[in-house]
Amino acid sequence: MQFAGSHILSISQFERADVERLFAVADAMRPYAHRERITRVLDGAILGSMFFEPSTRTRISFGSAFNLLGGEVRETTGFEHSAIAKGESLYDTARVLSGYSDIIVMRHPQDESVAEFAAASRVPVINGGDGANEHPSQALLDLYTIRYELAARARDLDGLRIAMVGDLRFGRTVHSLSKLLSLFRGLRVSLVSPEALSMPEEVVETLRAAGHQVLQTDELETGIADVDIVYSTRIQEERFASREEADLYRGRFRLNQSVYTANCEPNTVIMHPLPRDSREGARELDTDLNDNPNLAIFRQSDNGVLVRMALFALILDVVDQVKGHAAPVNWYTERRF
């Protein structure tokens, strides 16, 4: 794909070479994300951050990524704080806000809404999640994390064994990740969910059409055995008709240390797009896993900054200029990465 000036709306835009290019740029961003160096390559640029659904990691990591490249961020959060609450269309909103920004990140509760917005925008738009449809940057940071964790075990992405667990029907992160995994070879994918929350059939067929083995099961112990990665998801309560309906499934696939020890290989990596639901009766990833060195969820969230910095640098075509705008850090920066 041609990154410069492009919208990023779907994982379907990416070929394997595009992913490898993005990851190489993300690797180069590590000194800046880790505050070993600073760069002002996007000095004067403005990111329009438009989040019409609750978000912590995605919204703040996109903003942090842009700031770390030297740019500024202008935020809109929630419908009640925008003219959409007064009846303004996505078209009009896009035409106006793209006049104030150099690039826009948008999250919206309706499927395909970000694509509709992008069609009217005068600047590139990145999909920060549209309903139950897709979340492309999350899939990219997930795969970047999987690559990093496997490399520490002298493995690569081809031949990956992965279990996706939980709400696979409404979990847009696993939809995008599955499409991305279809670019690689010889995977074994276990899809662990209640039948009512199973992966959409078109996503399953995409995996099978790529030649991957796909197992669908509602038994957690069976699904997480003999895998490299367990990717857990929360019940997407906001996509259900009521909380009571969501409660029928909450806590059904709970992974804790005893379940992990009994069923997983010793080096199985545990991932989750976050937030994990820590309420009593949920706890899809129990807190007794916090000291497990294979729990990668916080390394995963850190990687979101790297990948999103890489997206901004590629879309705004400044990759080759980053070092030229770099300088030493002049404040205390010690972190435990």
C-alpha atoms as a PDB file:
ATOM      1  CA  MET A   1       0.000   0.000   0.000  1.00  0.00           C
ATOM      2  CA  GLN A   2       0.957   3.644  -0.348  1.00  0.00           C
ATOM      3  CA  PHE A   3       1.093   4.866   3.247  1.00  0.00           C
ATOM      4  CA  ALA A   4       1.678   8.557   2.557  1.00  0.00           C
ATOM      5  CA  GLY A   5      -1.645  10.412   2.707  1.00  0.00           C
ATOM      6  CA  SER A   6      -3.715   7.235   3.087  1.00  0.00           C
ATOM      7  CA  HIS A   7      -6.682   6.541   5.344  1.00  0.00           C
ATOM      8  CA  ILE A   8      -6.237   3.480   7.567  1.00  0.00           C
ATOM      9  CA  LEU A   9      -9.733   2.027   7.813  1.00  0.00           C
ATOM     10  CA  SER A  10      -9.352  -1.746   7.630  1.00  0.00           C
ATOM     11  CA  ILE A  11      -6.770  -4.463   7.998  1.00  0.00           C
ATOM     12  CA  SER A  12      -7.844  -5.554   4.509  1.00  0.00           C
ATOM     13  CA  GLN A  13      -5.687  -2.708   3.152  1.00  0.00           C
ATOM     14  CA  PHE A  14      -2.489  -4.436   4.310  1.00  0.00           C
ATOM     15  CA  GLU A  15      -0.278  -6.931   2.552  1.00  0.00           C
ATOM     16  CA  ARG A  16       2.460  -8.784   4.399  1.00  0.00           C
ATOM     17  CA  ALA A  17       5.140  -6.429   3.051  1.00  0.00           C
ATOM     18  CA  ASP A  18       3.169  -3.455   4.429  1.00  0.00           C
ATOM     19  CA  VAL A  19       3.087  -5.042   7.884  1.00  0.00           C
ATOM     20  CA  GLU A  20       6.821  -5.707   7.782  1.00  0.00           C
ATOM     21  CA  ARG A  21       7.480  -2.117   6.702  1.00  0.00           C
ATOM     22  CA  LEU A  22       5.326  -0.771   9.520  1.00  0.00           C
ATOM     23  CA  PHE A  23       7.033  -2.978  12.099  1.00  0.00           C
ATOM     24  CA  ALA A  24      10.500  -1.885  10.945  1.00  0.00           C
ATOM     25  CA  VAL A  25       9.476   1.743  11.475  1.00  0.00           C
ATOM     26  CA  ALA A  26       7.951   0.863  14.873  1.00  0.00           C
ATOM     27  CA  ASP A  27      11.274  -0.710  15.900  1.00  0.00           C
ATOM     28  CA  ALA A  28      13.026   2.542  14.977  1.00  0.00           C
ATOM     29  CA  MET A  29      10.621   4.493  17.202  1.00  0.00           C
ATOM     30  CA  ARG A  30      11.701   2.658  20.353  1.00  0.00           C
ATOM     31  CA  PRO A  31      14.309   5.251  21.511  1.00  0.00           C
ATOM     32  CA  TYR A  32      11.666   8.000  21.329  1.00  0.00           C
ATOM     33  CA  ALA A  33       8.883   5.977  22.959  1.00  0.00           C
ATOM     34  CA  HIS A  34      11.314   5.000  25.736  1.00  0.00           C
ATOM     35  CA  ARG A  35      12.380   8.661  26.212  1.00  0.00           C
ATOM     36  CA  GLU A  36      15.988   7.909  25.326  1.00  0.00           C
ATOM     37  CA  ARG A  37      15.765  10.598  22.625  1.00  0.00           C
ATOM     38  CA  ILE A  38      13.186  13.188  21.592  1.00  0.00           C
ATOM     39  CA  THR A  39      12.171  14.227  18.086  1.00  0.00           C
ATOM     40  CA  ARG A  40      10.194  17.252  16.886  1.00  0.00           C
ATOM     41  CA  VAL A  41       9.609  16.000  13.350  1.00  0.00           C
ATOM     42  CA  LEU A  42       5.874  16.840  13.534  1.00  0.00           C
ATOM     43  CA  ASP A  43       6.341  20.227  15.156  1.00  0.00           C
ATOM     44  CA  GLY A  44       3.321  22.338  14.175  1.00  0.00           C
ATOM     45  CA  ALA A  45       1.176  19.383  13.038  1.00  0.00           C
ATOM     46  CA  ILE A  46      -2.246  18.836  14.636  1.00  0.00           C
ATOM     47  CA  LEU A  47      -3.978  15.530  15.355  1.00  0.00           C
ATOM     48  CA  GLY A  48      -7.764  15.664  15.586  1.00  0.00           C
ATOM     49  CA  SER A  49      -8.715  12.973  18.134  1.00  0.00           C
ATOM     50  CA  MET A  50     -12.432  12.154  17.930  1.00  0.00           C
ATOM     51  CA  PHE A  51     -13.651   9.454  20.305  1.00  0.00           C
ATOM     52  CA  PHE A  52     -17.398   8.920  20.506  1.00  0.00           C
ATOM     53  CA  GLU A  53     -17.039   5.788  22.657  1.00  0.00           C
ATOM     54  CA  PRO A  54     -15.177   5.386  25.973  1.00  0.00           C
ATOM     55  CA  SER A  55     -11.456   4.761  25.522  1.00  0.00           C
ATOM     56  CA  THR A  56      -8.342   4.893  27.664  1.00  0.00           C
ATOM     57  CA  ARG A  57      -5.474   3.106  25.897  1.00  0.00           C
ATOM     58  CA  THR A  58      -6.389   3.816  22.278  1.00  0.00           C
ATOM     59  CA  ARG A  59      -7.191   7.494  22.751  1.00  0.00           C
ATOM     60  CA  ILE A  60      -4.256   8.309  25.021  1.00  0.00           C
ATOM     61  CA  SER A  61      -1.697   6.183  23.178  1.00  0.00           C
ATOM     62  CA  PHE A  62      -2.599   7.804  19.844  1.00  0.00           C
ATOM     63  CA  GLY A  63      -2.255  11.214  21.489  1.00  0.00           C
ATOM     64  CA  SER A  64       1.014  10.268  23.194  1.00  0.00           C
ATOM     65  CA  ALA A  65       2.399   8.877  19.933  1.00  0.00           C
ATOM     66  CA  PHE A  66       1.653  12.143  18.142  1.00  0.00           C
ATOM     67  CA  ASN A  67       3.126  14.218  20.986  1.00  0.00           C
ATOM     68  CA  LEU A  68       6.287  12.087  21.004  1.00  0.00           C
ATOM     69  CA  LEU A  69       6.778  13.003  17.341  1.00  0.00           C
ATOM     70  CA  GLY A  70       6.449  16.675  18.246  1.00  0.00           C
ATOM     71  CA  GLY A  71       2.836  17.260  17.189  1.00  0.00           C
ATOM     72  CA  GLU A  72      -0.159  18.671  19.073  1.00  0.00           C
ATOM     73  CA  VAL A  73      -3.493  17.002  19.847  1.00  0.00           C
ATOM     74  CA  ARG A  74      -7.030  18.425  19.883  1.00  0.00           C
ATOM     75  CA  GLU A  75      -9.612  16.091  21.414  1.00  0.00           C
ATOM     76  CA  THR A  76     -13.354  15.551  21.164  1.00  0.00           C
ATOM     77  CA  THR A  77     -14.757  12.900  23.516  1.00  0.00           C
ATOM     78  CA  GLY A  78     -18.400  11.820  23.551  1.00  0.00           C
ATOM     79  CA  PHE A  79     -21.324  12.912  21.391  1.00  0.00           C
ATOM     80  CA  GLU A  80     -22.465  15.380  24.033  1.00  0.00           C
ATOM     81  CA  HIS A  81     -19.337  17.478  23.465  1.00  0.00           C
ATOM     82  CA  SER A  82     -19.714  17.733  19.691  1.00  0.00           C
ATOM     83  CA  ALA A  83     -22.142  19.297  17.232  1.00  0.00           C
ATOM     84  CA  ILE A  84     -23.315  15.790  16.313  1.00  0.00           C
ATOM     85  CA  ALA A  85     -25.503  16.077  19.429  1.00  0.00           C
ATOM     86  CA  LYS A  86     -27.209  19.000  17.638  1.00  0.00           C
ATOM     87  CA  GLY A  87     -27.908  16.905  14.554  1.00  0.00           C
ATOM     88  CA  GLU A  88     -24.796  17.632  12.496  1.00  0.00           C
ATOM     89  CA  SER A  89     -23.976  14.907   9.974  1.00  0.00           C
ATOM     90  CA  LEU A  90     -20.716  12.968   9.811  1.00  0.00           C
ATOM     91  CA  TYR A  91     -20.143  14.563   6.416  1.00  0.00           C
ATOM     92  CA  ASP A  92     -20.335  18.113   7.774  1.00  0.00           C
ATOM     93  CA  THR A  93     -18.273  17.213  10.836  1.00  0.00           C
ATOM     94  CA  ALA A  94     -15.586  15.700   8.631  1.00  0.00           C
ATOM     95  CA  ARG A  95     -15.457  18.688   6.295  1.00  0.00           C
ATOM     96  CA  VAL A  96     -15.085  21.093   9.204  1.00  0.00           C
ATOM     97  CA  LEU A  97     -12.667  19.219  11.463  1.00  0.00           C
ATOM     98  CA  SER A  98     -10.397  18.149   8.629  1.00  0.00           C
ATOM     99  CA  GLY A  99      -9.844  21.859   8.039  1.00  0.00           C
ATOM    100  CA  TYR A 100      -8.448  22.146  11.572  1.00  0.00           C
ATOM    101  CA  SER A 101      -6.248  19.032  11.525  1.00  0.00           C
ATOM    102  CA  ASP A 102      -3.440  17.376   9.588  1.00  0.00           C
ATOM    103  CA  ILE A 103      -4.624  13.863  10.451  1.00  0.00           C
ATOM    104  CA  ILE A 104      -7.626  12.503  12.380  1.00  0.00           C
ATOM    105  CA  VAL A 105      -8.173   9.435  14.559  1.00  0.00           C
ATOM    106  CA  MET A 106     -11.811   8.495  15.080  1.00  0.00           C
ATOM    107  CA  ARG A 107     -13.752   5.968  17.162  1.00  0.00           C
ATOM    108  CA  HIS A 108     -17.505   5.590  16.664  1.00  0.00           C
ATOM    109  CA  PRO A 109     -20.092   3.043  17.867  1.00  0.00           C
ATOM    110  CA  GLN A 110     -21.580   2.359  14.420  1.00  0.00           C
ATOM    111  CA  ASP A 111     -20.058  -0.114  11.946  1.00  0.00           C
ATOM    112  CA  GLU A 112     -18.541   1.563   8.852  1.00  0.00           C
ATOM    113  CA  SER A 113     -19.040   5.048  10.353  1.00  0.00           C
ATOM    114  CA  VAL A 114     -15.333   5.895  10.206  1.00  0.00           C
ATOM    115  CA  ALA A 115     -15.229   5.037   6.500  1.00  0.00           C
ATOM    116  CA  GLU A 116     -18.213   7.344   5.939  1.00  0.00           C
ATOM    117  CA  PHE A 117     -16.397  10.108   7.812  1.00  0.00           C
ATOM    118  CA  ALA A 118     -13.158   9.506   5.907  1.00  0.00           C
ATOM    119  CA  ALA A 119     -14.936   9.813   2.558  1.00  0.00           C
ATOM    120  CA  ALA A 120     -15.676  13.458   3.406  1.00  0.00           C
ATOM    121  CA  SER A 121     -12.405  14.281   5.159  1.00  0.00           C
ATOM    122  CA  ARG A 122      -9.738  16.437   3.552  1.00  0.00           C
ATOM    123  CA  VAL A 123      -6.933  14.774   5.565  1.00  0.00           C
ATOM    124  CA  PRO A 124      -6.024  11.161   6.371  1.00  0.00           C
ATOM    125  CA  VAL A 125      -8.247   9.338   8.874  1.00  0.00           C
ATOM    126  CA  ILE A 126      -7.295   6.380  11.076  1.00  0.00           C
ATOM    127  CA  ASN A 127      -9.994   4.031  12.329  1.00  0.00           C
ATOM    128  CA  GLY A 128      -9.770   3.820  16.131  1.00  0.00           C
ATOM    129  CA  GLY A 129     -12.631   1.300  16.233  1.00  0.00           C
ATOM    130  CA  ASP A 130     -16.015   1.340  14.486  1.00  0.00           C
ATOM    131  CA  GLY A 131     -18.724  -0.567  16.339  1.00  0.00           C
ATOM    132  CA  ALA A 132     -18.220  -4.319  16.302  1.00  0.00           C
ATOM    133  CA  ASN A 133     -16.526  -4.089  12.901  1.00  0.00           C
ATOM    134  CA  GLU A 134     -12.753  -3.460  13.072  1.00  0.00           C
ATOM    135  CA  HIS A 135      -9.916  -1.968  15.107  1.00  0.00           C
ATOM    136  CA  PRO A 136      -6.947  -2.041  12.708  1.00  0.00           C
ATOM    137  CA  SER A 137      -4.304  -0.327  14.846  1.00  0.00           C
ATOM    138  CA  GLN A 138      -5.068  -2.696  17.738  1.00  0.00           C
ATOM    139  CA  ALA A 139      -4.568  -5.693  15.460  1.00  0.00           C
ATOM    140  CA  LEU A 140      -1.260  -4.254  14.273  1.00  0.00           C
ATOM    141  CA  LEU A 141       0.033  -3.678  17.803  1.00  0.00           C
ATOM    142  CA  ASP A 142      -1.198  -7.148  18.796  1.00  0.00           C
ATOM    143  CA  LEU A 143       0.719  -8.756  15.959  1.00  0.00           C
ATOM    144  CA  TYR A 144       3.771  -6.607  16.716  1.00  0.00           C
ATOM    145  CA  THR A 145       3.600  -7.909  20.306  1.00  0.00           C
ATOM    146  CA  ILE A 146       3.206 -11.518  19.168  1.00  0.00           C
ATOM    147  CA  ARG A 147       6.238 -11.102  16.885  1.00  0.00           C
ATOM    148  CA  TYR A 148       8.286  -9.606  19.726  1.00  0.00           C
ATOM    149  CA  GLU A 149       7.288 -12.301  22.238  1.00  0.00           C
ATOM    150  CA  LEU A 150       7.959 -15.135  19.776  1.00  0.00           C
ATOM    151  CA  ALA A 151      11.355 -13.693  18.842  1.00  0.00           C
ATOM    152  CA  ALA A 152      12.409 -14.052  22.475  1.00  0.00           C
ATOM    153  CA  ARG A 153      11.647 -17.763  22.062  1.00  0.00           C
ATOM    154  CA  ALA A 154      13.494 -18.038  18.707  1.00  0.00           C
ATOM    155  CA  ARG A 155      10.202 -18.348  16.797  1.00  0.00           C
ATOM    156  CA  ASP A 156       8.544 -16.336  14.059  1.00  0.00           C
ATOM    157  CA  LEU A 157       4.978 -15.658  12.976  1.00  0.00           C
ATOM    158  CA  ASP A 158       4.714 -18.445  10.396  1.00  0.00           C
ATOM    159  CA  GLY A 159       3.552 -21.592  12.186  1.00  0.00           C
ATOM    160  CA  LEU A 160       2.016 -19.637  15.066  1.00  0.00           C
ATOM    161  CA  ARG A 161      -0.393 -21.472  17.371  1.00  0.00           C
ATOM    162  CA  ILE A 162      -2.932 -19.084  18.911  1.00  0.00           C
ATOM    163  CA  ALA A 163      -6.113 -19.358  20.966  1.00  0.00           C
ATOM    164  CA  MET A 164      -8.639 -16.513  20.933  1.00  0.00           C
ATOM    165  CA  VAL A 165     -10.936 -16.705  23.916  1.00  0.00           C
ATOM    166  CA  GLY A 166     -14.170 -14.985  24.965  1.00  0.00           C
ATOM    167  CA  ASP A 167     -16.505 -12.703  23.064  1.00  0.00           C
ATOM    168  CA  LEU A 168     -15.471 -13.380  19.487  1.00  0.00           C
ATOM    169  CA  ARG A 169     -18.769 -12.191  18.004  1.00  0.00           C
ATOM    170  CA  PHE A 170     -18.586  -8.563  19.133  1.00  0.00           C
ATOM    171  CA  GLY A 171     -14.844  -8.292  19.791  1.00  0.00           C
ATOM    172  CA  ARG A 172     -13.612  -6.122  16.924  1.00  0.00           C
ATOM    173  CA  THR A 173      -9.996  -6.658  17.998  1.00  0.00           C
ATOM    174  CA  VAL A 174     -10.129 -10.373  17.173  1.00  0.00           C
ATOM    175  CA  HIS A 175     -11.890  -9.687  13.865  1.00  0.00           C
ATOM    176  CA  SER A 176      -9.040  -7.447  12.727  1.00  0.00           C
ATOM    177  CA  LEU A 177      -6.335  -9.693  14.183  1.00  0.00           C
ATOM    178  CA  SER A 178      -7.752 -12.737  12.382  1.00  0.00           C
ATOM    179  CA  LYS A 179      -7.679 -10.903   9.057  1.00  0.00           C
ATOM    180  CA  LEU A 180      -4.094  -9.873   9.719  1.00  0.00           C
ATOM    181  CA  LEU A 181      -3.047 -13.421  10.625  1.00  0.00           C
ATOM    182  CA  SER A 182      -4.340 -14.558   7.241  1.00  0.00           C
ATOM    183  CA  LEU A 183      -1.259 -12.932   5.694  1.00  0.00           C
ATOM    184  CA  PHE A 184       1.009 -15.532   7.322  1.00  0.00           C
ATOM    185  CA  ARG A 185       1.545 -19.261   6.777  1.00  0.00           C
ATOM    186  CA  GLY A 186       0.721 -22.490   8.550  1.00  0.00           C
ATOM    187  CA  LEU A 187      -1.158 -21.180  11.582  1.00  0.00           C
ATOM    188  CA  ARG A 188      -3.288 -23.162  14.005  1.00  0.00           C
ATOM    189  CA  VAL A 189      -6.101 -21.053  15.435  1.00  0.00           C
ATOM    190  CA  SER A 190      -8.330 -22.148  18.327  1.00  0.00           C
ATOM    191  CA  LEU A 191     -11.526 -20.107  18.694  1.00  0.00           C
ATOM    192  CA  VAL A 192     -12.908 -20.545  22.207  1.00  0.00           C
ATOM    193  CA  SER A 193     -16.334 -19.065  22.905  1.00  0.00           C
ATOM    194  CA  PRO A 194     -19.961 -19.880  23.656  1.00  0.00           C
ATOM    195  CA  GLU A 195     -21.831 -20.662  20.449  1.00  0.00           C
ATOM    196  CA  ALA A 196     -23.835 -17.435  20.752  1.00  0.00           C
ATOM    197  CA  LEU A 197     -20.598 -15.410  20.825  1.00  0.00           C
ATOM    198  CA  SER A 198     -18.678 -17.327  18.185  1.00  0.00           C
ATOM    199  CA  MET A 199     -16.449 -15.694  15.579  1.00  0.00           C
ATOM    200  CA  PRO A 200     -18.418 -14.389  12.548  1.00  0.00           C
ATOM    201  CA  GLU A 201     -18.423 -17.014   9.826  1.00  0.00           C
ATOM    202  CA  GLU A 202     -16.842 -14.717   7.234  1.00  0.00           C
ATOM    203  CA  VAL A 203     -13.834 -14.233   9.526  1.00  0.00           C
ATOM    204  CA  VAL A 204     -13.508 -17.995  10.059  1.00  0.00           C
ATOM    205  CA  GLU A 205     -13.644 -18.540   6.315  1.00  0.00           C
ATOM    206  CA  THR A 206     -10.925 -15.927   5.791  1.00  0.00           C
ATOM    207  CA  LEU A 207      -8.635 -17.925   8.106  1.00  0.00           C
ATOM    208  CA  ARG A 208      -9.456 -21.229   6.419  1.00  0.00           C
ATOM    209  CA  ALA A 209      -9.048 -19.771   2.928  1.00  0.00           C
ATOM    210  CA  ALA A 210      -5.511 -18.777   3.943  1.00  0.00           C
ATOM    211  CA  GLY A 211      -4.781 -22.448   4.668  1.00  0.00           C
ATOM    212  CA  HIS A 212      -4.869 -22.211   8.463  1.00  0.00           C
ATOM    213  CA  GLN A 213      -6.207 -24.929  10.752  1.00  0.00           C
ATOM    214  CA  VAL A 214      -9.201 -23.605  12.717  1.00  0.00           C
ATOM    215  CA  LEU A 215     -10.674 -25.287  15.795  1.00  0.00           C
ATOM    216  CA  GLN A 216     -13.919 -23.939  17.250  1.00  0.00           C
ATOM    217  CA  THR A 217     -14.796 -25.032  20.771  1.00  0.00           C
ATOM    218  CA  ASP A 218     -16.630 -23.912  23.905  1.00  0.00           C
ATOM    219  CA  GLU A 219     -14.182 -25.732  26.191  1.00  0.00           C
ATOM    220  CA  LEU A 220     -11.461 -23.476  27.565  1.00  0.00           C
ATOM    221  CA  GLU A 221      -9.132 -26.287  28.632  1.00  0.00           C
ATOM    222  CA  THR A 222      -9.168 -27.847  25.160  1.00  0.00           C
ATOM    223  CA  GLY A 223      -8.722 -24.538  23.358  1.00  0.00           C
ATOM    224  CA  ILE A 224      -5.701 -23.250  25.290  1.00  0.00           C
ATOM    225  CA  ALA A 225      -3.653 -26.456  25.232  1.00  0.00           C
ATOM    226  CA  ASP A 226      -0.575 -26.574  22.965  1.00  0.00           C
ATOM    227  CA  VAL A 227      -0.597 -22.931  21.873  1.00  0.00           C
ATOM    228  CA  ASP A 228       2.004 -20.180  21.805  1.00  0.00           C
ATOM    229  CA  ILE A 229      -0.453 -17.360  22.560  1.00  0.00           C
ATOM    230  CA  VAL A 230      -3.669 -17.158  24.560  1.00  0.00           C
ATOM    231  CA  TYR A 231      -5.486 -13.993  23.489  1.00  0.00           C
ATOM    232  CA  SER A 232      -8.333 -13.329  25.908  1.00  0.00           C
ATOM    233  CA  THR A 233     -11.150 -10.799  25.412  1.00  0.00           C
ATOM    234  CA  ARG A 234     -13.781  -9.359  27.734  1.00  0.00           C
ATOM    235  CA  ILE A 235     -17.515  -9.659  27.190  1.00  0.00           C
ATOM    236  CA  GLN A 236     -18.403  -6.588  25.095  1.00  0.00           C
ATOM    237  CA  GLU A 237     -21.228  -5.470  27.359  1.00  0.00           C
ATOM    238  CA  GLU A 238     -21.884  -2.307  25.346  1.00  0.00           C
ATOM    239  CA  ARG A 239     -22.873  -4.409  22.287  1.00  0.00           C
ATOM    240  CA  PHE A 240     -25.588  -6.354  24.143  1.00  0.00           C
ATOM    241  CA  ALA A 241     -29.242  -5.365  24.469  1.00  0.00           C
ATOM    242  CA  SER A 242     -28.919  -5.326  28.259  1.00  0.00           C
ATOM    243  CA  ARG A 243     -26.410  -5.920  31.028  1.00  0.00           C
ATOM    244  CA  GLU A 244     -28.443  -8.945  32.092  1.00  0.00           C
ATOM    245  CA  GLU A 245     -27.856 -10.551  28.705  1.00  0.00           C
ATOM    246  CA  ALA A 246     -24.121  -9.888  28.941  1.00  0.00           C
ATOM    247  CA  ASP A 247     -24.097 -11.377  32.449  1.00  0.00           C
ATOM    248  CA  LEU A 248     -25.108 -14.755  30.985  1.00  0.00           C
ATOM    249  CA  TYR A 249     -21.559 -15.076  29.607  1.00  0.00           C
ATOM    250  CA  ARG A 250     -19.458 -13.003  31.996  1.00  0.00           C
ATOM    251  CA  GLY A 251     -16.770 -15.006  33.784  1.00  0.00           C
ATOM    252  CA  ARG A 252     -17.417 -18.156  31.766  1.00  0.00           C
ATOM    253  CA  PHE A 253     -13.882 -18.368  30.342  1.00  0.00           C
ATOM    254  CA  ARG A 254     -11.815 -17.269  33.312  1.00  0.00           C
ATOM    255  CA  LEU A 255      -8.074 -17.770  33.029  1.00  0.00           C
ATOM    256  CA  ASN A 256      -6.178 -17.831  36.322  1.00  0.00           C
ATOM    257  CA  GLN A 257      -2.831 -19.241  37.382  1.00  0.00           C
ATOM    258  CA  SER A 258      -4.149 -22.703  38.255  1.00  0.00           C
ATOM    259  CA  VAL A 259      -5.968 -23.059  34.908  1.00  0.00           C
ATOM    260  CA  TYR A 260      -2.854 -21.795  33.121  1.00  0.00           C
ATOM    261  CA  THR A 261      -0.546 -24.231  34.917  1.00  0.00           C
ATOM    262  CA  ALA A 262      -2.850 -27.186  34.312  1.00  0.00           C
ATOM    263  CA  ASN A 263      -3.471 -26.585  30.608  1.00  0.00           C
ATOM    264  CA  CYS A 264      -0.883 -24.283  29.001  1.00  0.00           C
ATOM    265  CA  GLU A 265       2.674 -24.916  27.940  1.00  0.00           C
ATOM    266  CA  PRO A 266       5.190 -23.273  30.327  1.00  0.00           C
ATOM    267  CA  ASN A 267       6.051 -20.417  27.940  1.00  0.00           C
ATOM    268  CA  THR A 268       2.567 -19.691  26.605  1.00  0.00           C
ATOM    269  CA  VAL A 269       2.150 -15.917  26.265  1.00  0.00           C
ATOM    270  CA  ILE A 270      -1.001 -14.329  27.696  1.00  0.00           C
ATOM    271  CA  MET A 271      -2.456 -11.339  25.848  1.00  0.00           C
ATOM    272  CA  HIS A 272      -5.546  -9.152  26.146  1.00  0.00           C
ATOM    273  CA  PRO A 273      -6.455  -5.910  24.313  1.00  0.00           C
ATOM    274  CA  LEU A 274      -7.600  -4.364  27.624  1.00  0.00           C
ATOM    275  CA  PRO A 275      -9.460  -3.267  29.583  1.00  0.00           C
ATOM    276  CA  ARG A 276      -9.767  -6.576  31.392  1.00  0.00           C
ATOM    277  CA  ASP A 277     -12.923  -6.792  33.465  1.00  0.00           C
ATOM    278  CA  SER A 278     -11.762  -7.036  37.084  1.00  0.00           C
ATOM    279  CA  ARG A 279     -15.235  -6.990  38.612  1.00  0.00           C
ATOM    280  CA  GLU A 280     -16.329  -9.899  40.775  1.00  0.00           C
ATOM    281  CA  GLY A 281     -17.916 -12.535  38.550  1.00  0.00           C
ATOM    282  CA  ALA A 282     -15.900 -11.544  35.479  1.00  0.00           C
ATOM    283  CA  ARG A 283     -12.108 -11.577  35.777  1.00  0.00           C
ATOM    284  CA  GLU A 284     -11.412 -13.151  32.382  1.00  0.00           C
ATOM    285  CA  LEU A 285      -7.732 -12.683  33.302  1.00  0.00           C
ATOM    286  CA  ASP A 286      -7.364 -13.078  37.047  1.00  0.00           C
ATOM    287  CA  THR A 287      -5.054 -10.812  39.013  1.00  0.00           C
ATOM    288  CA  ASP A 288      -3.176 -13.873  40.284  1.00  0.00           C
ATOM    289  CA  LEU A 289      -1.518 -13.875  36.835  1.00  0.00           C
ATOM    290  CA  ASN A 290       0.075 -10.474  37.476  1.00  0.00           C
ATOM    291  CA  ASP A 291       3.394 -11.980  38.542  1.00  0.00           C
ATOM    292  CA  ASN A 292       3.483 -14.478  35.686  1.00  0.00           C
ATOM    293  CA  PRO A 293       6.353 -13.371  33.389  1.00  0.00           C
ATOM    294  CA  ASN A 294       4.365 -14.628  30.390  1.00  0.00           C
ATOM    295  CA  LEU A 295       1.598 -12.085  31.034  1.00  0.00           C
ATOM    296  CA  ALA A 296       2.275  -9.653  28.178  1.00  0.00           C
ATOM    297  CA  ILE A 297      -0.730  -7.347  28.488  1.00  0.00           C
ATOM    298  CA  PHE A 298       1.255  -4.317  29.655  1.00  0.00           C
ATOM    299  CA  ARG A 299       4.047  -4.879  27.140  1.00  0.00           C
ATOM    300  CA  GLN A 300       1.225  -5.103  24.608  1.00  0.00           C
ATOM    301  CA  SER A 301      -0.237  -1.736  25.633  1.00  0.00           C
ATOM    302  CA  ASP A 302       3.238  -0.124  25.572  1.00  0.00           C
ATOM    303  CA  ASN A 303       3.661  -1.393  22.018  1.00  0.00           C
ATOM    304  CA  GLY A 304       0.586   0.578  20.998  1.00  0.00           C
ATOM    305  CA  VAL A 305       2.624   3.774  21.193  1.00  0.00           C
ATOM    306  CA  LEU A 306       5.367   2.358  18.944  1.00  0.00           C
ATOM    307  CA  VAL A 307       2.950   1.138  16.278  1.00  0.00           C
ATOM    308  CA  ARG A 308       0.896   4.332  16.309  1.00  0.00           C
ATOM    309  CA  MET A 309       4.032   6.468  16.061  1.00  0.00           C
ATOM    310  CA  ALA A 310       4.977   4.384  13.030  1.00  0.00           C
ATOM    311  CA  LEU A 311       1.548   4.900  11.448  1.00  0.00           C
ATOM    312  CA  PHE A 312       1.773   8.671  11.877  1.00  0.00           C
ATOM    313  CA  ALA A 313       5.325   8.794  10.521  1.00  0.00           C
ATOM    314  CA  LEU A 314       4.398   6.739   7.453  1.00  0.00           C
ATOM    315  CA  ILE A 315       1.093   8.465   6.689  1.00  0.00           C
ATOM    316  CA  LEU A 316       2.605  11.944   7.093  1.00  0.00           C
ATOM    317  CA  ASP A 317       5.728  10.805   5.197  1.00  0.00           C
ATOM    318  CA  VAL A 318       8.371  11.848   7.730  1.00  0.00           C
ATOM    319  CA  VAL A 319      10.080   8.506   8.427  1.00  0.00           C
ATOM    320  CA  ASP A 320      13.367   9.633   6.863  1.00  0.00           C
ATOM    321  CA  GLN A 321      13.310  12.926   8.779  1.00  0.00           C
ATOM    322  CA  VAL A 322      12.824  11.632  12.346  1.00  0.00           C
ATOM    323  CA  LYS A 323      16.537  11.392  13.233  1.00  0.00           C
ATOM    324  CA  GLY A 324      17.260  14.799  11.744  1.00  0.00           C
ATOM    325  CA  HIS A 325      14.871  16.377  14.253  1.00  0.00           C
ATOM    326  CA  ALA A 326      16.145  14.407  17.257  1.00  0.00           C
ATOM    327  CA  ALA A 327      17.790  15.699  20.431  1.00  0.00           C
ATOM    328  CA  PRO A 328      18.812  14.369  23.860  1.00  0.00           C
ATOM    329  CA  VAL A 329      16.268  14.095  26.659  1.00  0.00           C
ATOM    330  CA  ASN A 330      16.912  16.619  29.432  1.00  0.00           C
ATOM    331  CA  TRP A 331      14.674  15.255  32.200  1.00  0.00           C
ATOM    332  CA  TYR A 332      14.764  12.202  34.464  1.00  0.00           C
ATOM    333  CA  THR A 333      13.479   9.311  32.343  1.00  0.00           C
ATOM    334  CA  GLU A 334      14.296   5.992  34.046  1.00  0.00           C
ATOM    335  CA  ARG A 335      11.542   3.458  33.338  1.00  0.00           C
ATOM    336  CA  ARG A 336      11.209  -0.274  33.789  1.00  0.00           C
ATOM    337  CA  PHE A 337      10.281  -1.560  30.357  1.00  0.00           C
END
